[in-house]
């Protein structure tokens, strides 16, 4: 599968002490829309992509979207970060 569209929603929570910089939706091959990706600042100052997740018993979070190939995982991450950088610059 290939990423055919990424929509970035700037959502900077740093002024409130948060780490979320944006939300993102990803469309795969014009057939599947996945909502709820987050662009998050790391402790080292960079940004990374957090997959959509939900809170489960015990208070921990688990991903609800899991790419099964490294290639798709890398493509999703790269496309989201590229769209984020284009949007904020």
C-alpha atoms as a PDB file:
ATOM      1  CA  UNK A   1       0.000   0.000   0.000  1.00  0.00           C
ATOM      2  CA  UNK A   2       1.085   3.553  -0.632  1.00  0.00           C
ATOM      3  CA  UNK A   3       0.293   6.802   1.111  1.00  0.00           C
ATOM      4  CA  UNK A   4      -1.736   8.946  -1.289  1.00  0.00           C
ATOM      5  CA  UNK A   5      -2.536  11.901   0.979  1.00  0.00           C
ATOM      6  CA  UNK A   6      -1.594  13.365   4.356  1.00  0.00           C
ATOM      7  CA  UNK A   7      -3.558  16.139   6.059  1.00  0.00           C
ATOM      8  CA  UNK A   8      -1.824  18.001   8.902  1.00  0.00           C
ATOM      9  CA  UNK A   9      -3.716  19.848  11.619  1.00  0.00           C
ATOM     10  CA  UNK A  10      -1.353  22.085  13.645  1.00  0.00           C
ATOM     11  CA  UNK A  11      -2.145  21.475  17.298  1.00  0.00           C
ATOM     12  CA  UNK A  12       0.742  22.850  19.349  1.00  0.00           C
ATOM     13  CA  UNK A  13       0.256  22.038  23.035  1.00  0.00           C
ATOM     14  CA  UNK A  14       3.707  23.219  24.171  1.00  0.00           C
ATOM     15  CA  UNK A  15       2.277  26.384  25.770  1.00  0.00           C
ATOM     16  CA  UNK A  16       0.264  24.073  28.061  1.00  0.00           C
ATOM     17  CA  UNK A  17       3.238  21.846  28.843  1.00  0.00           C
ATOM     18  CA  UNK A  18       2.310  19.258  26.222  1.00  0.00           C
ATOM     19  CA  UNK A  19       4.423  17.656  23.533  1.00  0.00           C
ATOM     20  CA  UNK A  20       1.919  17.370  20.660  1.00  0.00           C
ATOM     21  CA  UNK A  21       2.752  19.645  17.720  1.00  0.00           C
ATOM     22  CA  UNK A  22       0.134  18.468  15.201  1.00  0.00           C
ATOM     23  CA  UNK A  23      -2.449  15.829  14.378  1.00  0.00           C
ATOM     24  CA  UNK A  24      -2.470  14.025  11.043  1.00  0.00           C
ATOM     25  CA  UNK A  25      -4.776  11.952   8.871  1.00  0.00           C
ATOM     26  CA  UNK A  26      -3.294   9.502   6.358  1.00  0.00           C
ATOM     27  CA  UNK A  27      -4.999   8.145   3.255  1.00  0.00           C
ATOM     28  CA  UNK A  28      -3.748   4.866   1.782  1.00  0.00           C
ATOM     29  CA  UNK A  29      -4.283   4.277  -1.949  1.00  0.00           C
ATOM     30  CA  UNK A  30      -7.437   6.411  -1.927  1.00  0.00           C
ATOM     31  CA  UNK A  31      -9.147   3.476  -0.199  1.00  0.00           C
ATOM     32  CA  UNK A  32      -8.465   3.782   3.540  1.00  0.00           C
ATOM     33  CA  UNK A  33      -8.365   6.853   5.781  1.00  0.00           C
ATOM     34  CA  UNK A  34      -6.612   6.576   9.146  1.00  0.00           C
ATOM     35  CA  UNK A  35      -7.204   9.440  11.574  1.00  0.00           C
ATOM     36  CA  UNK A  36      -5.398  10.264  14.793  1.00  0.00           C
ATOM     37  CA  UNK A  37      -1.666  10.254  14.104  1.00  0.00           C
ATOM     38  CA  UNK A  38       0.274  12.746  16.252  1.00  0.00           C
ATOM     39  CA  UNK A  39       3.485  14.650  15.597  1.00  0.00           C
ATOM     40  CA  UNK A  40       5.184  14.816  18.998  1.00  0.00           C
ATOM     41  CA  UNK A  41       8.369  16.499  20.238  1.00  0.00           C
ATOM     42  CA  UNK A  42      10.971  14.178  21.678  1.00  0.00           C
ATOM     43  CA  UNK A  43      13.060  14.848  24.771  1.00  0.00           C
ATOM     44  CA  UNK A  44      16.014  15.569  22.485  1.00  0.00           C
ATOM     45  CA  UNK A  45      14.099  18.317  20.659  1.00  0.00           C
ATOM     46  CA  UNK A  46      13.266  16.464  17.444  1.00  0.00           C
ATOM     47  CA  UNK A  47       9.844  15.244  16.373  1.00  0.00           C
ATOM     48  CA  UNK A  48       8.425  11.764  15.869  1.00  0.00           C
ATOM     49  CA  UNK A  49       5.144  10.211  14.759  1.00  0.00           C
ATOM     50  CA  UNK A  50       2.835   8.598  17.301  1.00  0.00           C
ATOM     51  CA  UNK A  51       0.271   6.143  15.948  1.00  0.00           C
ATOM     52  CA  UNK A  52      -3.424   6.302  16.863  1.00  0.00           C
ATOM     53  CA  UNK A  53      -3.910   4.642  20.241  1.00  0.00           C
ATOM     54  CA  UNK A  54      -6.456   3.979  22.940  1.00  0.00           C
ATOM     55  CA  UNK A  55      -6.245   3.724  26.700  1.00  0.00           C
ATOM     56  CA  UNK A  56      -6.737   0.213  28.070  1.00  0.00           C
ATOM     57  CA  UNK A  57      -7.179  -1.306  31.494  1.00  0.00           C
ATOM     58  CA  UNK A  58      -4.302  -0.388  33.758  1.00  0.00           C
ATOM     59  CA  UNK A  59      -3.998   3.084  32.253  1.00  0.00           C
ATOM     60  CA  UNK A  60      -1.548   2.226  29.487  1.00  0.00           C
ATOM     61  CA  UNK A  61      -1.992   3.046  25.810  1.00  0.00           C
ATOM     62  CA  UNK A  62      -1.882   0.595  22.905  1.00  0.00           C
ATOM     63  CA  UNK A  63      -1.644   1.380  19.185  1.00  0.00           C
ATOM     64  CA  UNK A  64      -4.837   0.670  17.234  1.00  0.00           C
ATOM     65  CA  UNK A  65      -3.094   0.907  13.846  1.00  0.00           C
ATOM     66  CA  UNK A  66      -0.049  -1.283  13.250  1.00  0.00           C
ATOM     67  CA  UNK A  67       1.678  -1.484   9.854  1.00  0.00           C
ATOM     68  CA  UNK A  68       2.864  -5.012   9.206  1.00  0.00           C
ATOM     69  CA  UNK A  69       5.801  -4.093   7.004  1.00  0.00           C
ATOM     70  CA  UNK A  70       8.776  -1.889   7.798  1.00  0.00           C
ATOM     71  CA  UNK A  71       8.431  -0.263   4.375  1.00  0.00           C
ATOM     72  CA  UNK A  72       4.876   0.931   5.053  1.00  0.00           C
ATOM     73  CA  UNK A  73       5.761   2.060   8.570  1.00  0.00           C
ATOM     74  CA  UNK A  74       8.704   4.095   7.236  1.00  0.00           C
ATOM     75  CA  UNK A  75       6.626   5.548   4.390  1.00  0.00           C
ATOM     76  CA  UNK A  76       3.844   6.682   6.745  1.00  0.00           C
ATOM     77  CA  UNK A  77       6.350   8.275   9.123  1.00  0.00           C
ATOM     78  CA  UNK A  78       8.272  10.036   6.354  1.00  0.00           C
ATOM     79  CA  UNK A  79       5.140  11.338   4.604  1.00  0.00           C
ATOM     80  CA  UNK A  80       3.673  12.703   7.841  1.00  0.00           C
ATOM     81  CA  UNK A  81       6.922  14.419   8.857  1.00  0.00           C
ATOM     82  CA  UNK A  82       7.399  15.892   5.372  1.00  0.00           C
ATOM     83  CA  UNK A  83       3.820  17.258   5.346  1.00  0.00           C
ATOM     84  CA  UNK A  84       4.281  18.617   8.876  1.00  0.00           C
ATOM     85  CA  UNK A  85       7.495  20.438   7.962  1.00  0.00           C
ATOM     86  CA  UNK A  86       5.897  21.910   4.840  1.00  0.00           C
ATOM     87  CA  UNK A  87       2.899  23.093   6.861  1.00  0.00           C
ATOM     88  CA  UNK A  88       4.847  24.765   9.700  1.00  0.00           C
ATOM     89  CA  UNK A  89       7.513  26.446   7.550  1.00  0.00           C
END
